[in-house]
Amino acid sequence: MQDLGADHVINYREDRFEGMVRKITKKRGVDVVFEHVGKDTWAGSMLSMRPGGRLVTCGSTSGCS
């Protein structure tokens, strides 16, 4: 993914991505989360957003929460 221009790449199956996102953004959180996995990543996606951030859903590979 970095070869496609991503600044950071996090494998949610290996790392708690919400903690890494908070560290990368200096605890601010991200403006937009594109959530396409579902229940396996939903809570982490919510914790990754800044206050007032946006969540875009586009499928739910692992089912609904």
C-alpha atoms as a PDB file:
ATOM      1  CA  MET A   1       0.000   0.000   0.000  1.00  0.00           C
ATOM      2  CA  GLN A   2       2.810   2.414   0.649  1.00  0.00           C
ATOM      3  CA  ASP A   3       3.850   2.014  -2.971  1.00  0.00           C
ATOM      4  CA  LEU A   4       0.394   3.418  -3.813  1.00  0.00           C
ATOM      5  CA  GLY A   5       1.020   6.522  -1.712  1.00  0.00           C
ATOM      6  CA  ALA A   6      -0.219   5.576   1.775  1.00  0.00           C
ATOM      7  CA  ASP A   7       1.616   7.419   4.557  1.00  0.00           C
ATOM      8  CA  HIS A   8       1.056   4.581   7.039  1.00  0.00           C
ATOM      9  CA  VAL A   9      -0.003   0.957   6.720  1.00  0.00           C
ATOM     10  CA  ILE A  10      -1.435  -0.993   9.672  1.00  0.00           C
ATOM     11  CA  ASN A  11      -2.496  -4.645   9.587  1.00  0.00           C
ATOM     12  CA  TYR A  12      -5.549  -4.846  11.860  1.00  0.00           C
ATOM     13  CA  ARG A  13      -5.068  -8.600  12.281  1.00  0.00           C
ATOM     14  CA  GLU A  14      -1.628  -8.099  13.796  1.00  0.00           C
ATOM     15  CA  ASP A  15      -1.902  -4.777  15.637  1.00  0.00           C
ATOM     16  CA  ARG A  16      -4.485  -2.813  17.584  1.00  0.00           C
ATOM     17  CA  PHE A  17      -4.809  -0.207  14.895  1.00  0.00           C
ATOM     18  CA  GLU A  18      -6.759   2.292  16.994  1.00  0.00           C
ATOM     19  CA  GLY A  19      -3.785   2.684  19.333  1.00  0.00           C
ATOM     20  CA  MET A  20      -1.417   3.101  16.430  1.00  0.00           C
ATOM     21  CA  VAL A  21      -3.720   5.687  14.833  1.00  0.00           C
ATOM     22  CA  ARG A  22      -3.856   7.666  18.071  1.00  0.00           C
ATOM     23  CA  LYS A  23      -0.049   7.575  18.276  1.00  0.00           C
ATOM     24  CA  ILE A  24       0.424   8.616  14.629  1.00  0.00           C
ATOM     25  CA  THR A  25      -2.052  11.501  14.996  1.00  0.00           C
ATOM     26  CA  LYS A  26      -0.700  12.557  18.413  1.00  0.00           C
ATOM     27  CA  LYS A  27      -4.019  11.518  20.045  1.00  0.00           C
ATOM     28  CA  ARG A  28      -6.084  13.692  17.684  1.00  0.00           C
ATOM     29  CA  GLY A  29      -7.660  10.887  15.655  1.00  0.00           C
ATOM     30  CA  VAL A  30      -8.424  10.861  11.965  1.00  0.00           C
ATOM     31  CA  ASP A  31     -10.938  12.969  10.067  1.00  0.00           C
ATOM     32  CA  VAL A  32     -12.434  10.062   8.097  1.00  0.00           C
ATOM     33  CA  VAL A  33     -12.573   6.293   8.600  1.00  0.00           C
ATOM     34  CA  PHE A  34     -13.558   4.068   5.676  1.00  0.00           C
ATOM     35  CA  GLU A  35     -14.977   1.008   7.446  1.00  0.00           C
ATOM     36  CA  HIS A  36     -15.471  -2.009   5.231  1.00  0.00           C
ATOM     37  CA  VAL A  37     -14.709  -4.984   7.486  1.00  0.00           C
ATOM     38  CA  GLY A  38     -17.556  -4.891  10.023  1.00  0.00           C
ATOM     39  CA  LYS A  39     -17.733  -6.208  13.568  1.00  0.00           C
ATOM     40  CA  ASP A  40     -14.061  -7.227  13.702  1.00  0.00           C
ATOM     41  CA  THR A  41     -12.910  -3.612  13.320  1.00  0.00           C
ATOM     42  CA  TRP A  42     -15.971  -1.480  14.183  1.00  0.00           C
ATOM     43  CA  ALA A  43     -14.948  -0.514  17.734  1.00  0.00           C
ATOM     44  CA  GLY A  44     -11.397   0.315  16.656  1.00  0.00           C
ATOM     45  CA  SER A  45     -12.690   2.427  13.801  1.00  0.00           C
ATOM     46  CA  MET A  46     -14.883   4.411  16.183  1.00  0.00           C
ATOM     47  CA  LEU A  47     -11.933   4.957  18.544  1.00  0.00           C
ATOM     48  CA  SER A  48      -9.701   6.072  15.655  1.00  0.00           C
ATOM     49  CA  MET A  49     -11.831   9.078  14.702  1.00  0.00           C
ATOM     50  CA  ARG A  50     -11.327  12.573  16.016  1.00  0.00           C
ATOM     51  CA  PRO A  51     -14.294  14.206  17.729  1.00  0.00           C
ATOM     52  CA  GLY A  52     -16.635  15.198  14.907  1.00  0.00           C
ATOM     53  CA  GLY A  53     -14.920  12.785  12.500  1.00  0.00           C
ATOM     54  CA  ARG A  54     -16.800  10.909   9.807  1.00  0.00           C
ATOM     55  CA  LEU A  55     -17.335   7.188   9.361  1.00  0.00           C
ATOM     56  CA  VAL A  56     -17.971   5.880   5.857  1.00  0.00           C
ATOM     57  CA  THR A  57     -19.317   2.339   5.658  1.00  0.00           C
ATOM     58  CA  CYS A  58     -18.908   0.349   2.498  1.00  0.00           C
ATOM     59  CA  GLY A  59     -19.733  -3.255   3.311  1.00  0.00           C
ATOM     60  CA  SER A  60     -19.235  -5.563   6.246  1.00  0.00           C
ATOM     61  CA  THR A  61     -17.000  -8.514   5.428  1.00  0.00           C
ATOM     62  CA  SER A  62     -17.068  -9.914   8.976  1.00  0.00           C
ATOM     63  CA  GLY A  63     -20.732  -9.183   9.642  1.00  0.00           C
ATOM     64  CA  CYS A  64     -22.565  -6.425  11.451  1.00  0.00           C
ATOM     65  CA  SER A  65     -21.863  -5.346  15.011  1.00  0.00           C
END
